[in-house]
Amino acid sequence: MRPDRQPGTVRMIPIDRIEVLNPRERNHRVFDEIVDNIKTIGLKKPITVTPRRSPGDMERYLLVCGEGRLKAFKSLGEVDIPALVVDVSDEDAFIMSLAENIARRQCSPLELLAGIEQLRDRGYDKKAIAEKTGLTREYIQGVLTLLQKGEERLLVAVERGRIPLNTALAIVGAGNDDRAVQVALQDAYESGKLRGKQLLQARRVIERRQTLGRSVARGTPRKREAVTSSSLVRTYQKEVERQKLIVKKAEFAHQRLLFVVGAMRELLADENFINLLRAEGLDTMPKYLAERVWPAGVAV
């Protein structure tokens, strides 16, 4: 459901009198496509603006919707642009702009999340945000929960389709318990929510979350900190923690391997089981595993 708009009229508006209310960065490839489309077939849908009076009683406008089209028109050297002029307050204009971008999914994951966060900070509850953006209440509730926890990395992964929202919430609920996190991934895999390549992507996201933190760097790269004894100690401590995590995972994998080897030895001690394997043509196994099941080199 979109926010209600006041009836308006379409007019030709001078581009230099339009102020962008909610500016955002754009993908250059997508922007070039917008420019090419307008150059070839013209503007199919007018932008939306709301009038404001400036000093000197000159009418100016706030852009509500259509920043890409406005920039494309300007890059083509146009002076005026067709615009639907609606009479709304600054608050309504801002909400309409946010809701339009979110509902149409024409923004990056972080912009989408920032938009939802801005709506929340302006006092809108999950029901109102869902109605204004066309998203479900469950999705909004999950996003707001992750925002409250500072889980930007998981939020971006959810929006890009790398991790289901329910799985992300389960990961957050697991805290720092690595085993509980793995259980959440396994449950998602067994329920069919994570498959193949998607499961690998989810694991990478979780590893980055553990090593790089929950937040995602925005905008320009941060300046490098001066190297001091304290920074070296912090870096060393982080590396130690990372190595401990690697050792912990290796020990877990080793325990699983020992269990498999022990189980295989017991099964292969059963003559009936060995005959069944031979009858089915399954009497061979990988060399790595065979060397551990039969240390002396004995084969089936």
C-alpha atoms as a PDB file:
ATOM      1  CA  MET A   1       0.000   0.000   0.000  1.00  0.00           C
ATOM      2  CA  ARG A   2       1.418   3.402  -0.942  1.00  0.00           C
ATOM      3  CA  PRO A   3       0.944   6.677   0.917  1.00  0.00           C
ATOM      4  CA  ASP A   4      -2.089   8.635  -0.242  1.00  0.00           C
ATOM      5  CA  ARG A   5      -1.310  11.597  -2.480  1.00  0.00           C
ATOM      6  CA  GLN A   6      -3.233  14.778  -2.933  1.00  0.00           C
ATOM      7  CA  PRO A   7      -4.639  15.334  -6.442  1.00  0.00           C
ATOM      8  CA  GLY A   8      -2.170  17.280  -8.558  1.00  0.00           C
ATOM      9  CA  THR A   9      -1.594  18.694 -12.013  1.00  0.00           C
ATOM     10  CA  VAL A  10       1.169  17.931 -14.506  1.00  0.00           C
ATOM     11  CA  ARG A  11       3.203  20.974 -15.500  1.00  0.00           C
ATOM     12  CA  MET A  12       6.551  21.794 -17.079  1.00  0.00           C
ATOM     13  CA  ILE A  13       8.869  22.812 -14.225  1.00  0.00           C
ATOM     14  CA  PRO A  14      12.303  24.503 -14.530  1.00  0.00           C
ATOM     15  CA  ILE A  15      14.886  21.939 -13.404  1.00  0.00           C
ATOM     16  CA  ASP A  16      16.986  24.568 -11.603  1.00  0.00           C
ATOM     17  CA  ARG A  17      14.071  25.316  -9.255  1.00  0.00           C
ATOM     18  CA  ILE A  18      13.811  21.742  -7.976  1.00  0.00           C
ATOM     19  CA  GLU A  19      15.517  20.704  -4.737  1.00  0.00           C
ATOM     20  CA  VAL A  20      16.156  17.006  -4.127  1.00  0.00           C
ATOM     21  CA  LEU A  21      14.598  16.141  -0.784  1.00  0.00           C
ATOM     22  CA  ASN A  22      16.084  12.694  -0.185  1.00  0.00           C
ATOM     23  CA  PRO A  23      19.248  12.374  -2.347  1.00  0.00           C
ATOM     24  CA  ARG A  24      20.966   9.021  -2.828  1.00  0.00           C
ATOM     25  CA  GLU A  25      23.834   7.498  -4.791  1.00  0.00           C
ATOM     26  CA  ARG A  26      23.000   5.550  -7.946  1.00  0.00           C
ATOM     27  CA  ASN A  27      24.362   2.614  -9.844  1.00  0.00           C
ATOM     28  CA  HIS A  28      26.062   4.086 -12.930  1.00  0.00           C
ATOM     29  CA  ARG A  29      24.898   1.290 -15.218  1.00  0.00           C
ATOM     30  CA  VAL A  30      21.270   1.708 -14.147  1.00  0.00           C
ATOM     31  CA  PHE A  31      21.517   5.477 -14.488  1.00  0.00           C
ATOM     32  CA  ASP A  32      22.950   5.160 -18.025  1.00  0.00           C
ATOM     33  CA  GLU A  33      19.990   2.927 -18.916  1.00  0.00           C
ATOM     34  CA  ILE A  34      17.554   5.590 -17.648  1.00  0.00           C
ATOM     35  CA  VAL A  35      19.312   8.240 -19.751  1.00  0.00           C
ATOM     36  CA  ASP A  36      19.253   6.043 -22.873  1.00  0.00           C
ATOM     37  CA  ASN A  37      15.556   5.221 -22.421  1.00  0.00           C
ATOM     38  CA  ILE A  38      14.592   8.870 -22.013  1.00  0.00           C
ATOM     39  CA  LYS A  39      16.752   9.861 -24.967  1.00  0.00           C
ATOM     40  CA  THR A  40      15.127   7.186 -27.152  1.00  0.00           C
ATOM     41  CA  ILE A  41      11.450   7.233 -26.175  1.00  0.00           C
ATOM     42  CA  GLY A  42      11.120  10.256 -23.909  1.00  0.00           C
ATOM     43  CA  LEU A  43       9.862  10.516 -20.335  1.00  0.00           C
ATOM     44  CA  LYS A  44       7.083   7.947 -19.788  1.00  0.00           C
ATOM     45  CA  LYS A  45       6.170   9.062 -16.261  1.00  0.00           C
ATOM     46  CA  PRO A  46       6.504  12.600 -14.851  1.00  0.00           C
ATOM     47  CA  ILE A  47       8.410  13.230 -11.646  1.00  0.00           C
ATOM     48  CA  THR A  48       6.507  14.328  -8.521  1.00  0.00           C
ATOM     49  CA  VAL A  49       7.204  17.644  -6.767  1.00  0.00           C
ATOM     50  CA  THR A  50       5.596  19.845  -4.128  1.00  0.00           C
ATOM     51  CA  PRO A  51       5.740  23.681  -4.304  1.00  0.00           C
ATOM     52  CA  ARG A  52       7.490  25.930  -1.776  1.00  0.00           C
ATOM     53  CA  ARG A  53       7.927  29.677  -1.606  1.00  0.00           C
ATOM     54  CA  SER A  54      11.476  31.035  -1.428  1.00  0.00           C
ATOM     55  CA  PRO A  55      12.763  34.544  -0.559  1.00  0.00           C
ATOM     56  CA  GLY A  56      11.639  36.966  -3.249  1.00  0.00           C
ATOM     57  CA  ASP A  57       8.350  35.077  -3.585  1.00  0.00           C
ATOM     58  CA  MET A  58       9.833  32.809  -6.295  1.00  0.00           C
ATOM     59  CA  GLU A  59       8.147  29.436  -6.439  1.00  0.00           C
ATOM     60  CA  ARG A  60      10.512  26.541  -5.904  1.00  0.00           C
ATOM     61  CA  TYR A  61       9.844  22.822  -5.560  1.00  0.00           C
ATOM     62  CA  LEU A  62      10.865  19.878  -3.420  1.00  0.00           C
ATOM     63  CA  LEU A  63      11.359  16.633  -5.323  1.00  0.00           C
ATOM     64  CA  VAL A  64       9.168  13.859  -3.935  1.00  0.00           C
ATOM     65  CA  CYS A  65       9.758  11.127  -6.485  1.00  0.00           C
ATOM     66  CA  GLY A  66      11.891  10.732  -9.616  1.00  0.00           C
ATOM     67  CA  GLU A  67      15.474  11.698  -8.776  1.00  0.00           C
ATOM     68  CA  GLY A  68      16.883   9.384 -11.453  1.00  0.00           C
ATOM     69  CA  ARG A  69      14.618  10.859 -14.139  1.00  0.00           C
ATOM     70  CA  LEU A  70      15.464  14.394 -12.987  1.00  0.00           C
ATOM     71  CA  LYS A  71      19.218  13.783 -13.178  1.00  0.00           C
ATOM     72  CA  ALA A  72      18.851  12.048 -16.534  1.00  0.00           C
ATOM     73  CA  PHE A  73      16.905  15.012 -17.957  1.00  0.00           C
ATOM     74  CA  LYS A  74      19.555  17.385 -16.631  1.00  0.00           C
ATOM     75  CA  SER A  75      22.407  15.324 -18.125  1.00  0.00           C
ATOM     76  CA  LEU A  76      20.654  15.510 -21.517  1.00  0.00           C
ATOM     77  CA  GLY A  77      20.778  19.310 -21.355  1.00  0.00           C
ATOM     78  CA  GLU A  78      17.045  19.798 -20.772  1.00  0.00           C
ATOM     79  CA  VAL A  79      15.909  22.940 -18.962  1.00  0.00           C
ATOM     80  CA  ASP A  80      12.328  21.952 -18.042  1.00  0.00           C
ATOM     81  CA  ILE A  81      10.820  18.617 -17.012  1.00  0.00           C
ATOM     82  CA  PRO A  82       7.199  17.337 -16.814  1.00  0.00           C
ATOM     83  CA  ALA A  83       6.194  17.107 -13.156  1.00  0.00           C
ATOM     84  CA  LEU A  84       3.107  16.173 -11.170  1.00  0.00           C
ATOM     85  CA  VAL A  85       2.706  19.016  -8.676  1.00  0.00           C
ATOM     86  CA  VAL A  86       1.094  17.960  -5.375  1.00  0.00           C
ATOM     87  CA  ASP A  87       0.459  20.088  -2.313  1.00  0.00           C
ATOM     88  CA  VAL A  88       1.827  18.221   0.721  1.00  0.00           C
ATOM     89  CA  SER A  89       3.716  19.134   3.904  1.00  0.00           C
ATOM     90  CA  ASP A  90       7.469  18.669   4.323  1.00  0.00           C
ATOM     91  CA  GLU A  91       6.809  15.670   6.554  1.00  0.00           C
ATOM     92  CA  ASP A  92       4.464  14.019   4.062  1.00  0.00           C
ATOM     93  CA  ALA A  93       6.821  14.779   1.176  1.00  0.00           C
ATOM     94  CA  PHE A  94       9.728  13.145   3.013  1.00  0.00           C
ATOM     95  CA  ILE A  95       7.665  10.071   3.914  1.00  0.00           C
ATOM     96  CA  MET A  96       6.363   9.774   0.337  1.00  0.00           C
ATOM     97  CA  SER A  97       9.927   9.938  -0.984  1.00  0.00           C
ATOM     98  CA  LEU A  98      11.193   7.291   1.443  1.00  0.00           C
ATOM     99  CA  ALA A  99       8.216   5.014   0.926  1.00  0.00           C
ATOM    100  CA  GLU A 100       8.474   5.267  -2.860  1.00  0.00           C
ATOM    101  CA  ASN A 101      12.130   4.233  -2.891  1.00  0.00           C
ATOM    102  CA  ILE A 102      11.599   1.402  -0.408  1.00  0.00           C
ATOM    103  CA  ALA A 103       8.456   0.019  -2.007  1.00  0.00           C
ATOM    104  CA  ARG A 104       9.941   0.043  -5.507  1.00  0.00           C
ATOM    105  CA  ARG A 105      13.219  -1.533  -4.261  1.00  0.00           C
ATOM    106  CA  GLN A 106      15.230   1.061  -6.232  1.00  0.00           C
ATOM    107  CA  CYS A 107      17.843   1.506  -3.543  1.00  0.00           C
ATOM    108  CA  SER A 108      20.761  -0.408  -2.109  1.00  0.00           C
ATOM    109  CA  PRO A 109      20.182  -2.713   0.881  1.00  0.00           C
ATOM    110  CA  LEU A 110      21.714  -0.196   3.285  1.00  0.00           C
ATOM    111  CA  GLU A 111      19.546   2.605   1.857  1.00  0.00           C
ATOM    112  CA  LEU A 112      16.478   0.406   2.215  1.00  0.00           C
ATOM    113  CA  LEU A 113      17.334  -0.334   5.841  1.00  0.00           C
ATOM    114  CA  ALA A 114      18.192   3.297   6.552  1.00  0.00           C
ATOM    115  CA  GLY A 115      14.809   4.286   5.112  1.00  0.00           C
ATOM    116  CA  ILE A 116      12.960   1.854   7.381  1.00  0.00           C
ATOM    117  CA  GLU A 117      15.023   3.111  10.322  1.00  0.00           C
ATOM    118  CA  GLN A 118      14.151   6.734   9.495  1.00  0.00           C
ATOM    119  CA  LEU A 119      10.459   5.879   9.390  1.00  0.00           C
ATOM    120  CA  ARG A 120      10.779   4.165  12.768  1.00  0.00           C
ATOM    121  CA  ASP A 121      12.647   7.143  14.238  1.00  0.00           C
ATOM    122  CA  ARG A 122       9.837   9.432  13.070  1.00  0.00           C
ATOM    123  CA  GLY A 123       7.416   7.496  15.236  1.00  0.00           C
ATOM    124  CA  TYR A 124       5.896   5.029  12.754  1.00  0.00           C
ATOM    125  CA  ASP A 125       5.221   1.537  14.073  1.00  0.00           C
ATOM    126  CA  LYS A 126       5.678  -1.679  12.084  1.00  0.00           C
ATOM    127  CA  LYS A 127       2.073  -1.630  10.863  1.00  0.00           C
ATOM    128  CA  ALA A 128       2.345   1.913   9.512  1.00  0.00           C
ATOM    129  CA  ILE A 129       5.732   1.233   7.889  1.00  0.00           C
ATOM    130  CA  ALA A 130       4.358  -1.919   6.249  1.00  0.00           C
ATOM    131  CA  GLU A 131       1.368  -0.001   4.860  1.00  0.00           C
ATOM    132  CA  LYS A 132       3.542   2.808   3.500  1.00  0.00           C
ATOM    133  CA  THR A 133       6.164   0.565   1.890  1.00  0.00           C
ATOM    134  CA  GLY A 134       4.167  -2.461   0.728  1.00  0.00           C
ATOM    135  CA  LEU A 135       6.356  -4.781   2.829  1.00  0.00           C
ATOM    136  CA  THR A 136       4.891  -7.352   5.223  1.00  0.00           C
ATOM    137  CA  ARG A 137       4.598  -6.685   8.951  1.00  0.00           C
ATOM    138  CA  GLU A 138       6.676  -9.786   9.683  1.00  0.00           C
ATOM    139  CA  TYR A 139       9.486  -8.520   7.466  1.00  0.00           C
ATOM    140  CA  ILE A 140       9.372  -5.044   9.048  1.00  0.00           C
ATOM    141  CA  GLN A 141       9.353  -6.545  12.564  1.00  0.00           C
ATOM    142  CA  GLY A 142      12.371  -8.714  11.736  1.00  0.00           C
ATOM    143  CA  VAL A 143      14.268  -5.810  10.170  1.00  0.00           C
ATOM    144  CA  LEU A 144      13.538  -3.538  13.135  1.00  0.00           C
ATOM    145  CA  THR A 145      14.748  -6.266  15.527  1.00  0.00           C
ATOM    146  CA  LEU A 146      18.023  -6.655  13.618  1.00  0.00           C
ATOM    147  CA  LEU A 147      18.431  -2.873  13.414  1.00  0.00           C
ATOM    148  CA  GLN A 148      17.975  -2.641  17.170  1.00  0.00           C
ATOM    149  CA  LYS A 149      20.727  -5.243  17.619  1.00  0.00           C
ATOM    150  CA  GLY A 150      23.077  -3.383  15.255  1.00  0.00           C
ATOM    151  CA  GLU A 151      23.204  -6.351  12.841  1.00  0.00           C
ATOM    152  CA  GLU A 152      23.908  -4.432   9.623  1.00  0.00           C
ATOM    153  CA  ARG A 153      25.902  -7.250   8.042  1.00  0.00           C
ATOM    154  CA  LEU A 154      23.081  -9.750   8.527  1.00  0.00           C
ATOM    155  CA  LEU A 155      20.519  -7.180   7.356  1.00  0.00           C
ATOM    156  CA  VAL A 156      22.358  -6.626   4.079  1.00  0.00           C
ATOM    157  CA  ALA A 157      22.639 -10.404   3.602  1.00  0.00           C
ATOM    158  CA  VAL A 158      18.886 -10.762   4.193  1.00  0.00           C
ATOM    159  CA  GLU A 159      18.009  -8.027   1.715  1.00  0.00           C
ATOM    160  CA  ARG A 160      20.327  -9.540  -0.926  1.00  0.00           C
ATOM    161  CA  GLY A 161      18.717 -12.947  -0.473  1.00  0.00           C
ATOM    162  CA  ARG A 162      21.797 -14.632   1.006  1.00  0.00           C
ATOM    163  CA  ILE A 163      20.216 -15.496   4.362  1.00  0.00           C
ATOM    164  CA  PRO A 164      16.497 -15.938   5.163  1.00  0.00           C
ATOM    165  CA  LEU A 165      15.199 -13.420   7.696  1.00  0.00           C
ATOM    166  CA  ASN A 166      14.172 -16.151  10.171  1.00  0.00           C
ATOM    167  CA  THR A 167      17.661 -17.666   9.982  1.00  0.00           C
ATOM    168  CA  ALA A 168      19.262 -14.258  10.597  1.00  0.00           C
ATOM    169  CA  LEU A 169      17.076 -13.817  13.677  1.00  0.00           C
ATOM    170  CA  ALA A 170      18.049 -17.299  14.896  1.00  0.00           C
ATOM    171  CA  ILE A 171      21.742 -16.429  14.428  1.00  0.00           C
ATOM    172  CA  VAL A 172      21.285 -13.293  16.517  1.00  0.00           C
ATOM    173  CA  GLY A 173      19.466 -15.307  19.173  1.00  0.00           C
ATOM    174  CA  ALA A 174      22.410 -17.721  19.314  1.00  0.00           C
ATOM    175  CA  GLY A 175      24.681 -14.902  20.534  1.00  0.00           C
ATOM    176  CA  ASN A 176      28.344 -15.946  20.605  1.00  0.00           C
ATOM    177  CA  ASP A 177      27.583 -19.667  20.705  1.00  0.00           C
ATOM    178  CA  ASP A 178      29.167 -20.958  17.506  1.00  0.00           C
ATOM    179  CA  ARG A 179      27.450 -24.337  17.817  1.00  0.00           C
ATOM    180  CA  ALA A 180      24.016 -22.679  18.098  1.00  0.00           C
ATOM    181  CA  VAL A 181      24.806 -20.638  14.986  1.00  0.00           C
ATOM    182  CA  GLN A 182      25.685 -23.822  13.107  1.00  0.00           C
ATOM    183  CA  VAL A 183      22.406 -25.388  14.295  1.00  0.00           C
ATOM    184  CA  ALA A 184      20.514 -22.385  12.878  1.00  0.00           C
ATOM    185  CA  LEU A 185      22.231 -22.911   9.518  1.00  0.00           C
ATOM    186  CA  GLN A 186      21.529 -26.641   9.594  1.00  0.00           C
ATOM    187  CA  ASP A 187      17.849 -26.029  10.348  1.00  0.00           C
ATOM    188  CA  ALA A 188      17.635 -23.609   7.424  1.00  0.00           C
ATOM    189  CA  TYR A 189      19.319 -26.171   5.173  1.00  0.00           C
ATOM    190  CA  GLU A 190      17.058 -29.038   6.239  1.00  0.00           C
ATOM    191  CA  SER A 191      13.932 -26.901   5.790  1.00  0.00           C
ATOM    192  CA  GLY A 192      15.018 -26.020   2.243  1.00  0.00           C
ATOM    193  CA  LYS A 193      15.564 -22.307   2.922  1.00  0.00           C
ATOM    194  CA  LEU A 194      19.299 -22.577   2.241  1.00  0.00           C
ATOM    195  CA  ARG A 195      20.607 -24.726  -0.589  1.00  0.00           C
ATOM    196  CA  GLY A 196      23.948 -25.275  -2.282  1.00  0.00           C
ATOM    197  CA  LYS A 197      25.647 -22.002  -3.162  1.00  0.00           C
ATOM    198  CA  GLN A 198      23.339 -20.057  -0.863  1.00  0.00           C
ATOM    199  CA  LEU A 199      24.527 -22.101   2.127  1.00  0.00           C
ATOM    200  CA  LEU A 200      28.160 -21.272   1.279  1.00  0.00           C
ATOM    201  CA  GLN A 201      27.277 -17.579   1.000  1.00  0.00           C
ATOM    202  CA  ALA A 202      25.577 -17.705   4.400  1.00  0.00           C
ATOM    203  CA  ARG A 203      28.676 -19.257   5.968  1.00  0.00           C
ATOM    204  CA  ARG A 204      30.867 -16.514   4.489  1.00  0.00           C
ATOM    205  CA  VAL A 205      28.567 -13.838   5.901  1.00  0.00           C
ATOM    206  CA  ILE A 206      28.752 -15.405   9.354  1.00  0.00           C
ATOM    207  CA  GLU A 207      32.553 -15.688   9.192  1.00  0.00           C
ATOM    208  CA  ARG A 208      32.795 -12.014   8.192  1.00  0.00           C
ATOM    209  CA  ARG A 209      30.446 -11.106  11.030  1.00  0.00           C
ATOM    210  CA  GLN A 210      32.718 -12.939  13.474  1.00  0.00           C
ATOM    211  CA  THR A 211      35.962 -11.427  12.185  1.00  0.00           C
ATOM    212  CA  LEU A 212      34.925  -7.955  10.921  1.00  0.00           C
ATOM    213  CA  GLY A 213      31.986  -7.201  13.203  1.00  0.00           C
ATOM    214  CA  ARG A 214      28.267  -6.641  12.800  1.00  0.00           C
ATOM    215  CA  SER A 215      28.336  -3.251  11.074  1.00  0.00           C
ATOM    216  CA  VAL A 216      29.159  -2.534   7.425  1.00  0.00           C
ATOM    217  CA  ALA A 217      31.412   0.363   6.400  1.00  0.00           C
ATOM    218  CA  ARG A 218      29.504   3.061   4.520  1.00  0.00           C
ATOM    219  CA  GLY A 219      30.585   5.855   2.232  1.00  0.00           C
ATOM    220  CA  THR A 220      34.255   6.716   1.902  1.00  0.00           C
ATOM    221  CA  PRO A 221      36.879   4.386   3.358  1.00  0.00           C
ATOM    222  CA  ARG A 222      37.913   5.149   6.900  1.00  0.00           C
ATOM    223  CA  LYS A 223      41.342   6.682   7.441  1.00  0.00           C
ATOM    224  CA  ARG A 224      43.957   4.308   8.663  1.00  0.00           C
ATOM    225  CA  GLU A 225      44.723   4.612  12.341  1.00  0.00           C
ATOM    226  CA  ALA A 226      48.239   5.479  13.357  1.00  0.00           C
ATOM    227  CA  VAL A 227      50.211   2.387  14.341  1.00  0.00           C
ATOM    228  CA  THR A 228      50.745   2.446  18.087  1.00  0.00           C
ATOM    229  CA  SER A 229      51.632  -0.131  20.709  1.00  0.00           C
ATOM    230  CA  SER A 230      47.951  -0.257  21.741  1.00  0.00           C
ATOM    231  CA  SER A 231      46.735  -0.805  18.166  1.00  0.00           C
ATOM    232  CA  LEU A 232      49.315  -3.560  17.655  1.00  0.00           C
ATOM    233  CA  VAL A 233      48.136  -5.277  20.858  1.00  0.00           C
ATOM    234  CA  ARG A 234      44.486  -5.039  19.694  1.00  0.00           C
ATOM    235  CA  THR A 235      45.382  -6.448  16.287  1.00  0.00           C
ATOM    236  CA  TYR A 236      47.324  -9.267  17.917  1.00  0.00           C
ATOM    237  CA  GLN A 237      44.425 -10.084  20.245  1.00  0.00           C
ATOM    238  CA  LYS A 238      41.957 -10.164  17.317  1.00  0.00           C
ATOM    239  CA  GLU A 239      44.272 -12.481  15.387  1.00  0.00           C
ATOM    240  CA  VAL A 240      44.629 -14.749  18.423  1.00  0.00           C
ATOM    241  CA  GLU A 241      40.838 -14.966  18.717  1.00  0.00           C
ATOM    242  CA  ARG A 242      40.562 -15.749  15.005  1.00  0.00           C
ATOM    243  CA  GLN A 243      43.175 -18.502  15.282  1.00  0.00           C
ATOM    244  CA  LYS A 244      41.400 -19.931  18.342  1.00  0.00           C
ATOM    245  CA  LEU A 245      38.180 -20.073  16.338  1.00  0.00           C
ATOM    246  CA  ILE A 246      39.961 -21.892  13.495  1.00  0.00           C
ATOM    247  CA  VAL A 247      41.463 -24.395  15.962  1.00  0.00           C
ATOM    248  CA  LYS A 248      38.046 -24.915  17.558  1.00  0.00           C
ATOM    249  CA  LYS A 249      36.475 -25.660  14.164  1.00  0.00           C
ATOM    250  CA  ALA A 250      39.351 -28.005  13.264  1.00  0.00           C
ATOM    251  CA  GLU A 251      38.929 -29.915  16.541  1.00  0.00           C
ATOM    252  CA  PHE A 252      35.207 -30.229  15.911  1.00  0.00           C
ATOM    253  CA  ALA A 253      35.854 -31.608  12.408  1.00  0.00           C
ATOM    254  CA  HIS A 254      38.473 -33.994  13.807  1.00  0.00           C
ATOM    255  CA  GLN A 255      36.015 -35.349  16.378  1.00  0.00           C
ATOM    256  CA  ARG A 256      33.473 -35.973  13.633  1.00  0.00           C
ATOM    257  CA  LEU A 257      36.088 -37.815  11.569  1.00  0.00           C
ATOM    258  CA  LEU A 258      37.029 -40.009  14.530  1.00  0.00           C
ATOM    259  CA  PHE A 259      33.368 -40.844  15.042  1.00  0.00           C
ATOM    260  CA  VAL A 260      32.984 -41.819  11.376  1.00  0.00           C
ATOM    261  CA  VAL A 261      36.152 -43.951  11.483  1.00  0.00           C
ATOM    262  CA  GLY A 262      35.016 -45.728  14.645  1.00  0.00           C
ATOM    263  CA  ALA A 263      31.582 -46.381  13.209  1.00  0.00           C
ATOM    264  CA  MET A 264      33.045 -47.732   9.957  1.00  0.00           C
ATOM    265  CA  ARG A 265      35.363 -50.107  11.829  1.00  0.00           C
ATOM    266  CA  GLU A 266      32.478 -51.575  13.777  1.00  0.00           C
ATOM    267  CA  LEU A 267      30.348 -51.993  10.668  1.00  0.00           C
ATOM    268  CA  LEU A 268      33.175 -53.572   8.664  1.00  0.00           C
ATOM    269  CA  ALA A 269      33.776 -56.089  11.427  1.00  0.00           C
ATOM    270  CA  ASP A 270      30.395 -57.564  10.511  1.00  0.00           C
ATOM    271  CA  GLU A 271      30.832 -60.203   7.766  1.00  0.00           C
ATOM    272  CA  ASN A 272      27.209 -59.908   6.676  1.00  0.00           C
ATOM    273  CA  PHE A 273      27.590 -56.140   6.193  1.00  0.00           C
ATOM    274  CA  ILE A 274      30.765 -56.688   4.121  1.00  0.00           C
ATOM    275  CA  ASN A 275      28.976 -59.236   1.902  1.00  0.00           C
ATOM    276  CA  LEU A 276      26.127 -56.750   1.395  1.00  0.00           C
ATOM    277  CA  LEU A 277      28.590 -54.043   0.347  1.00  0.00           C
ATOM    278  CA  ARG A 278      30.248 -56.415  -2.136  1.00  0.00           C
ATOM    279  CA  ALA A 279      26.887 -57.440  -3.571  1.00  0.00           C
ATOM    280  CA  GLU A 280      25.970 -53.788  -4.129  1.00  0.00           C
ATOM    281  CA  GLY A 281      29.391 -52.903  -5.551  1.00  0.00           C
ATOM    282  CA  LEU A 282      30.132 -50.565  -2.630  1.00  0.00           C
ATOM    283  CA  ASP A 283      33.225 -52.308  -1.294  1.00  0.00           C
ATOM    284  CA  THR A 284      35.617 -49.371  -1.907  1.00  0.00           C
ATOM    285  CA  MET A 285      36.081 -46.070  -0.085  1.00  0.00           C
ATOM    286  CA  PRO A 286      38.271 -42.952  -0.423  1.00  0.00           C
ATOM    287  CA  LYS A 287      41.950 -43.606   0.272  1.00  0.00           C
ATOM    288  CA  TYR A 288      42.051 -40.937   3.007  1.00  0.00           C
ATOM    289  CA  LEU A 289      39.289 -42.694   4.954  1.00  0.00           C
ATOM    290  CA  ALA A 290      40.507 -46.227   4.174  1.00  0.00           C
ATOM    291  CA  GLU A 291      43.954 -45.510   5.664  1.00  0.00           C
ATOM    292  CA  ARG A 292      42.288 -44.573   8.950  1.00  0.00           C
ATOM    293  CA  VAL A 293      39.777 -47.398   9.028  1.00  0.00           C
ATOM    294  CA  TRP A 294      42.501 -49.985   8.211  1.00  0.00           C
ATOM    295  CA  PRO A 295      45.792 -48.590   9.547  1.00  0.00           C
ATOM    296  CA  ALA A 296      47.615 -51.830   8.678  1.00  0.00           C
ATOM    297  CA  GLY A 297      46.436 -51.633   5.054  1.00  0.00           C
ATOM    298  CA  VAL A 298      43.809 -54.395   5.309  1.00  0.00           C
ATOM    299  CA  ALA A 299      40.978 -53.992   2.778  1.00  0.00           C
ATOM    300  CA  VAL A 300      37.506 -55.415   2.435  1.00  0.00           C
END
